[in-house]
Amino acid sequence: EKSLVYSIETVSGLKRIDSLTNIIWRQDSIFAHHSMELNKNGDIWLCSFEPVYSATGMYKLNGRSVFYKDNYITKIDAETGKILFHKSVTELLAENDLSSYILRSQHILDPLHINDVEPALKTTQYYKEDDVFISVRHLSLIIHYRPLTNKVIDIINGPFTSQHDVDFLNDTTLVIFNNNYFTIKNESRGICVKSSSN
């Protein structure tokens, strides 16, 4: 029996349909975006937003409140559509004393912009089964996170820029799709700096 799990980014929740397009389940409490990955048990890990059209994150800087779009990592039961795990990346960083990373982003309204949550399918000397590697594009880093204990195991910085995907090559090596591209605009000065791969 064939089925498909899909979403229309920032428009709908998550749906699973059969080969005749009948809806098996729908999950409307999140907006999914970018990649979806299966863990060893067949659960779906994905990047998500809260289904609201306003900022869901906030920090205070020099007496000002700065509001921005928070990102979430979510695990879904593929059979039922039930949410098994749902965590704000802002909270994940704060609870691991890493909040300052948000201030490093060039993107004030969207400082995180995660685009992949890659689950470990087995335990090795470097990671445990069901650890996840989170690609945070606007910070140009990969977070090795252990949901079971709510601990960040490692932060992987460059040499890559605005990466878009992280995968396992083997038990000791990660492969990172490096967009190697960024654009910084300063509207008041008309400055545009662009870098792209050769």
C-alpha atoms as a PDB file:
ATOM      1  CA  GLU A   1       0.000   0.000   0.000  1.00  0.00           C
ATOM      2  CA  LYS A   2       1.459   3.333  -1.078  1.00  0.00           C
ATOM      3  CA  SER A   3       0.994   6.642   0.708  1.00  0.00           C
ATOM      4  CA  LEU A   4       2.438  10.129   0.724  1.00  0.00           C
ATOM      5  CA  VAL A   5       3.121  12.568   3.558  1.00  0.00           C
ATOM      6  CA  TYR A   6       3.287  16.187   2.406  1.00  0.00           C
ATOM      7  CA  SER A   7       2.738  19.829   3.287  1.00  0.00           C
ATOM      8  CA  ILE A   8       2.487  23.115   1.436  1.00  0.00           C
ATOM      9  CA  GLU A   9       5.084  25.261   3.139  1.00  0.00           C
ATOM     10  CA  THR A  10       3.663  28.007   5.402  1.00  0.00           C
ATOM     11  CA  VAL A  11       0.164  27.306   4.034  1.00  0.00           C
ATOM     12  CA  SER A  12      -1.034  23.991   5.438  1.00  0.00           C
ATOM     13  CA  GLY A  13      -0.261  21.493   8.129  1.00  0.00           C
ATOM     14  CA  LEU A  14       0.939  17.975   7.400  1.00  0.00           C
ATOM     15  CA  LYS A  15      -1.165  15.389   5.562  1.00  0.00           C
ATOM     16  CA  ARG A  16      -0.836  11.708   4.744  1.00  0.00           C
ATOM     17  CA  ILE A  17      -2.828  10.467   1.762  1.00  0.00           C
ATOM     18  CA  ASP A  18      -3.201   7.041   0.164  1.00  0.00           C
ATOM     19  CA  SER A  19      -2.716   6.219  -3.531  1.00  0.00           C
ATOM     20  CA  LEU A  20      -6.299   7.343  -4.255  1.00  0.00           C
ATOM     21  CA  THR A  21      -5.700  10.699  -2.499  1.00  0.00           C
ATOM     22  CA  ASN A  22      -7.898   9.765   0.477  1.00  0.00           C
ATOM     23  CA  ILE A  23      -6.656  11.488   3.643  1.00  0.00           C
ATOM     24  CA  ILE A  24      -5.302   8.977   6.167  1.00  0.00           C
ATOM     25  CA  TRP A  25      -4.507  11.659   8.726  1.00  0.00           C
ATOM     26  CA  ARG A  26      -3.799  15.366   8.967  1.00  0.00           C
ATOM     27  CA  GLN A  27      -1.796  17.325  11.529  1.00  0.00           C
ATOM     28  CA  ASP A  28      -2.772  21.003  11.539  1.00  0.00           C
ATOM     29  CA  SER A  29      -1.073  22.171  14.727  1.00  0.00           C
ATOM     30  CA  ILE A  30       2.244  22.831  12.929  1.00  0.00           C
ATOM     31  CA  PHE A  31       3.486  24.162   9.610  1.00  0.00           C
ATOM     32  CA  ALA A  32       6.149  21.869   8.186  1.00  0.00           C
ATOM     33  CA  HIS A  33       8.905  23.192   5.936  1.00  0.00           C
ATOM     34  CA  HIS A  34      12.023  22.016   4.166  1.00  0.00           C
ATOM     35  CA  SER A  35      13.062  18.377   4.621  1.00  0.00           C
ATOM     36  CA  MET A  36      11.376  15.427   6.314  1.00  0.00           C
ATOM     37  CA  GLU A  37      13.478  12.492   7.528  1.00  0.00           C
ATOM     38  CA  LEU A  38      12.612   9.026   8.859  1.00  0.00           C
ATOM     39  CA  ASN A  39      14.201   7.565  11.972  1.00  0.00           C
ATOM     40  CA  LYS A  40      14.808   3.854  12.586  1.00  0.00           C
ATOM     41  CA  ASN A  41      11.232   3.337  13.834  1.00  0.00           C
ATOM     42  CA  GLY A  42       9.687   5.061  10.814  1.00  0.00           C
ATOM     43  CA  ASP A  43       8.799   8.238  12.718  1.00  0.00           C
ATOM     44  CA  ILE A  44       9.160  11.511  10.789  1.00  0.00           C
ATOM     45  CA  TRP A  45      11.544  14.246  11.933  1.00  0.00           C
ATOM     46  CA  LEU A  46      10.907  17.649  10.393  1.00  0.00           C
ATOM     47  CA  CYS A  47      11.428  21.399  10.636  1.00  0.00           C
ATOM     48  CA  SER A  48       8.307  23.295  11.670  1.00  0.00           C
ATOM     49  CA  PHE A  49       6.733  26.615  12.604  1.00  0.00           C
ATOM     50  CA  GLU A  50       3.831  27.367  14.880  1.00  0.00           C
ATOM     51  CA  PRO A  51       0.722  27.935  12.671  1.00  0.00           C
ATOM     52  CA  VAL A  52       0.555  31.663  13.309  1.00  0.00           C
ATOM     53  CA  TYR A  53       1.453  34.556  11.033  1.00  0.00           C
ATOM     54  CA  SER A  54       3.407  36.569  13.556  1.00  0.00           C
ATOM     55  CA  ALA A  55       6.698  36.325  15.415  1.00  0.00           C
ATOM     56  CA  THR A  56       6.901  33.548  18.016  1.00  0.00           C
ATOM     57  CA  GLY A  57      10.368  34.332  19.367  1.00  0.00           C
ATOM     58  CA  MET A  58      11.591  37.328  21.349  1.00  0.00           C
ATOM     59  CA  TYR A  59      14.729  38.539  23.063  1.00  0.00           C
ATOM     60  CA  LYS A  60      15.595  41.756  24.891  1.00  0.00           C
ATOM     61  CA  LEU A  61      18.611  43.788  23.854  1.00  0.00           C
ATOM     62  CA  ASN A  62      19.541  47.173  25.361  1.00  0.00           C
ATOM     63  CA  GLY A  63      16.042  47.568  26.765  1.00  0.00           C
ATOM     64  CA  ARG A  64      14.330  46.785  23.443  1.00  0.00           C
ATOM     65  CA  SER A  65      12.206  43.736  22.662  1.00  0.00           C
ATOM     66  CA  VAL A  66      13.180  42.099  19.358  1.00  0.00           C
ATOM     67  CA  PHE A  67      10.576  39.758  17.871  1.00  0.00           C
ATOM     68  CA  TYR A  68      11.447  37.085  15.323  1.00  0.00           C
ATOM     69  CA  LYS A  69      10.260  33.858  13.737  1.00  0.00           C
ATOM     70  CA  ASP A  70      11.162  30.909  15.972  1.00  0.00           C
ATOM     71  CA  ASN A  71      11.812  27.447  14.505  1.00  0.00           C
ATOM     72  CA  TYR A  72      10.879  24.069  15.933  1.00  0.00           C
ATOM     73  CA  ILE A  73      12.037  20.501  15.506  1.00  0.00           C
ATOM     74  CA  THR A  74       9.172  18.007  15.492  1.00  0.00           C
ATOM     75  CA  LYS A  75       8.827  14.229  15.473  1.00  0.00           C
ATOM     76  CA  ILE A  76       5.597  12.780  14.059  1.00  0.00           C
ATOM     77  CA  ASP A  77       4.201   9.238  14.271  1.00  0.00           C
ATOM     78  CA  ALA A  78       3.920   8.322  10.575  1.00  0.00           C
ATOM     79  CA  GLU A  79       1.035   5.915  11.242  1.00  0.00           C
ATOM     80  CA  THR A  80      -1.210   8.280  13.199  1.00  0.00           C
ATOM     81  CA  GLY A  81       0.089  11.808  12.603  1.00  0.00           C
ATOM     82  CA  LYS A  82       0.443  12.308  16.361  1.00  0.00           C
ATOM     83  CA  ILE A  83       3.192  14.660  17.543  1.00  0.00           C
ATOM     84  CA  LEU A  84       5.739  12.699  19.568  1.00  0.00           C
ATOM     85  CA  PHE A  85       8.242  15.522  20.158  1.00  0.00           C
ATOM     86  CA  HIS A  86       8.062  19.272  19.544  1.00  0.00           C
ATOM     87  CA  LYS A  87      10.805  21.665  20.631  1.00  0.00           C
ATOM     88  CA  SER A  88      11.551  25.332  20.046  1.00  0.00           C
ATOM     89  CA  VAL A  89      15.094  25.845  18.790  1.00  0.00           C
ATOM     90  CA  THR A  90      15.220  29.086  20.794  1.00  0.00           C
ATOM     91  CA  GLU A  91      14.390  27.139  23.973  1.00  0.00           C
ATOM     92  CA  LEU A  92      16.828  24.383  23.014  1.00  0.00           C
ATOM     93  CA  LEU A  93      19.642  26.955  22.777  1.00  0.00           C
ATOM     94  CA  ALA A  94      18.601  28.789  25.964  1.00  0.00           C
ATOM     95  CA  GLU A  95      18.393  25.590  28.018  1.00  0.00           C
ATOM     96  CA  ASN A  96      21.935  24.732  26.916  1.00  0.00           C
ATOM     97  CA  ASP A  97      23.377  28.227  27.629  1.00  0.00           C
ATOM     98  CA  LEU A  98      23.753  28.965  23.898  1.00  0.00           C
ATOM     99  CA  SER A  99      21.281  31.847  23.470  1.00  0.00           C
ATOM    100  CA  SER A 100      24.020  34.200  22.309  1.00  0.00           C
ATOM    101  CA  TYR A 101      24.150  32.363  18.983  1.00  0.00           C
ATOM    102  CA  ILE A 102      20.893  34.058  17.955  1.00  0.00           C
ATOM    103  CA  LEU A 103      22.643  37.441  18.069  1.00  0.00           C
ATOM    104  CA  ARG A 104      25.242  36.265  15.528  1.00  0.00           C
ATOM    105  CA  SER A 105      22.706  36.063  12.725  1.00  0.00           C
ATOM    106  CA  GLN A 106      22.513  38.696   9.989  1.00  0.00           C
ATOM    107  CA  HIS A 107      18.765  38.017   9.748  1.00  0.00           C
ATOM    108  CA  ILE A 108      16.982  39.868  12.537  1.00  0.00           C
ATOM    109  CA  LEU A 109      13.451  38.623  11.747  1.00  0.00           C
ATOM    110  CA  ASP A 110      14.517  35.049  10.926  1.00  0.00           C
ATOM    111  CA  PRO A 111      17.801  34.445  12.779  1.00  0.00           C
ATOM    112  CA  LEU A 112      17.650  30.628  12.779  1.00  0.00           C
ATOM    113  CA  HIS A 113      16.030  29.280   9.596  1.00  0.00           C
ATOM    114  CA  ILE A 114      16.574  25.565  10.138  1.00  0.00           C
ATOM    115  CA  ASN A 115      16.289  23.396   7.040  1.00  0.00           C
ATOM    116  CA  ASP A 116      17.092  19.819   8.080  1.00  0.00           C
ATOM    117  CA  VAL A 117      16.677  17.599  11.142  1.00  0.00           C
ATOM    118  CA  GLU A 118      18.712  14.460  10.463  1.00  0.00           C
ATOM    119  CA  PRO A 119      18.161  11.585  12.949  1.00  0.00           C
ATOM    120  CA  ALA A 120      20.880   9.087  13.812  1.00  0.00           C
ATOM    121  CA  LEU A 121      19.705   5.590  12.909  1.00  0.00           C
ATOM    122  CA  LYS A 122      22.136   3.770  15.200  1.00  0.00           C
ATOM    123  CA  THR A 123      24.601   4.278  18.038  1.00  0.00           C
ATOM    124  CA  THR A 124      28.302   4.794  17.305  1.00  0.00           C
ATOM    125  CA  GLN A 125      31.221   6.200  19.291  1.00  0.00           C
ATOM    126  CA  TYR A 126      30.239   9.700  18.085  1.00  0.00           C
ATOM    127  CA  TYR A 127      26.451   9.764  18.509  1.00  0.00           C
ATOM    128  CA  LYS A 128      23.526   7.759  19.845  1.00  0.00           C
ATOM    129  CA  GLU A 129      20.480   6.424  18.032  1.00  0.00           C
ATOM    130  CA  ASP A 130      17.781   9.121  17.804  1.00  0.00           C
ATOM    131  CA  ASP A 131      20.230  11.967  18.316  1.00  0.00           C
ATOM    132  CA  VAL A 132      19.479  14.609  15.692  1.00  0.00           C
ATOM    133  CA  PHE A 133      21.727  16.905  13.681  1.00  0.00           C
ATOM    134  CA  ILE A 134      19.980  20.228  13.042  1.00  0.00           C
ATOM    135  CA  SER A 135      21.060  22.409  10.134  1.00  0.00           C
ATOM    136  CA  VAL A 136      20.671  26.073  11.129  1.00  0.00           C
ATOM    137  CA  ARG A 137      21.137  27.952   7.877  1.00  0.00           C
ATOM    138  CA  HIS A 138      21.201  31.563   9.044  1.00  0.00           C
ATOM    139  CA  LEU A 139      23.791  30.784  11.711  1.00  0.00           C
ATOM    140  CA  SER A 140      25.890  28.606   9.354  1.00  0.00           C
ATOM    141  CA  LEU A 141      26.116  25.804  11.910  1.00  0.00           C
ATOM    142  CA  ILE A 142      25.018  22.255  12.680  1.00  0.00           C
ATOM    143  CA  ILE A 143      23.676  21.415  16.148  1.00  0.00           C
ATOM    144  CA  HIS A 144      24.195  17.864  17.434  1.00  0.00           C
ATOM    145  CA  TYR A 145      21.267  17.515  19.852  1.00  0.00           C
ATOM    146  CA  ARG A 146      20.071  14.658  22.074  1.00  0.00           C
ATOM    147  CA  PRO A 147      16.275  14.943  22.559  1.00  0.00           C
ATOM    148  CA  LEU A 148      16.263  12.212  25.216  1.00  0.00           C
ATOM    149  CA  THR A 149      18.262  14.395  27.624  1.00  0.00           C
ATOM    150  CA  ASN A 150      17.642  17.840  26.059  1.00  0.00           C
ATOM    151  CA  LYS A 151      21.398  18.307  25.680  1.00  0.00           C
ATOM    152  CA  VAL A 152      23.380  19.904  22.877  1.00  0.00           C
ATOM    153  CA  ILE A 153      26.286  17.516  22.376  1.00  0.00           C
ATOM    154  CA  ASP A 154      28.236  19.614  19.895  1.00  0.00           C
ATOM    155  CA  ILE A 155      28.098  22.735  17.735  1.00  0.00           C
ATOM    156  CA  ILE A 156      29.698  22.335  14.296  1.00  0.00           C
ATOM    157  CA  ASN A 157      30.867  25.586  12.690  1.00  0.00           C
ATOM    158  CA  GLY A 158      32.203  25.880   9.083  1.00  0.00           C
ATOM    159  CA  PRO A 159      34.036  25.955   6.873  1.00  0.00           C
ATOM    160  CA  PHE A 160      30.610  26.243   5.240  1.00  0.00           C
ATOM    161  CA  THR A 161      28.142  29.063   4.704  1.00  0.00           C
ATOM    162  CA  SER A 162      24.339  29.019   4.764  1.00  0.00           C
ATOM    163  CA  GLN A 163      24.302  25.227   4.454  1.00  0.00           C
ATOM    164  CA  HIS A 164      21.090  23.456   3.529  1.00  0.00           C
ATOM    165  CA  ASP A 165      21.404  19.801   4.492  1.00  0.00           C
ATOM    166  CA  VAL A 166      23.330  17.397   6.693  1.00  0.00           C
ATOM    167  CA  ASP A 167      23.548  13.626   6.104  1.00  0.00           C
ATOM    168  CA  PHE A 168      25.506  10.623   7.318  1.00  0.00           C
ATOM    169  CA  LEU A 169      28.162   9.315   4.946  1.00  0.00           C
ATOM    170  CA  ASN A 170      29.199   6.558   7.342  1.00  0.00           C
ATOM    171  CA  ASP A 171      29.636   5.992  11.105  1.00  0.00           C
ATOM    172  CA  THR A 172      32.376   8.630  11.399  1.00  0.00           C
ATOM    173  CA  THR A 173      31.596  11.227   8.730  1.00  0.00           C
ATOM    174  CA  LEU A 174      28.858  13.785   8.113  1.00  0.00           C
ATOM    175  CA  VAL A 175      28.170  15.218   4.663  1.00  0.00           C
ATOM    176  CA  ILE A 176      26.999  18.841   4.565  1.00  0.00           C
ATOM    177  CA  PHE A 177      25.443  20.403   1.483  1.00  0.00           C
ATOM    178  CA  ASN A 178      27.112  23.792   1.470  1.00  0.00           C
ATOM    179  CA  ASN A 179      25.125  26.473  -0.335  1.00  0.00           C
ATOM    180  CA  ASN A 180      28.273  28.604   0.030  1.00  0.00           C
ATOM    181  CA  TYR A 181      26.094  31.606  -0.644  1.00  0.00           C
ATOM    182  CA  PHE A 182      24.973  34.597   1.334  1.00  0.00           C
ATOM    183  CA  THR A 183      23.631  38.023   0.639  1.00  0.00           C
ATOM    184  CA  ILE A 184      23.839  40.842   3.165  1.00  0.00           C
ATOM    185  CA  LYS A 185      21.898  43.980   2.336  1.00  0.00           C
ATOM    186  CA  ASN A 186      22.063  47.323   4.039  1.00  0.00           C
ATOM    187  CA  GLU A 187      19.173  49.286   2.552  1.00  0.00           C
ATOM    188  CA  SER A 188      20.252  52.609   4.029  1.00  0.00           C
ATOM    189  CA  ARG A 189      23.718  52.412   2.453  1.00  0.00           C
ATOM    190  CA  GLY A 190      22.831  50.381  -0.624  1.00  0.00           C
ATOM    191  CA  ILE A 191      25.487  47.778   0.138  1.00  0.00           C
ATOM    192  CA  CYS A 192      25.106  44.255  -1.208  1.00  0.00           C
ATOM    193  CA  VAL A 193      27.820  41.664  -0.579  1.00  0.00           C
ATOM    194  CA  LYS A 194      27.451  38.397  -2.429  1.00  0.00           C
ATOM    195  CA  SER A 195      29.486  35.226  -2.254  1.00  0.00           C
ATOM    196  CA  SER A 196      28.948  32.108  -4.317  1.00  0.00           C
ATOM    197  CA  SER A 197      30.782  28.869  -5.011  1.00  0.00           C
ATOM    198  CA  ASN A 198      33.207  28.558  -7.912  1.00  0.00           C
END
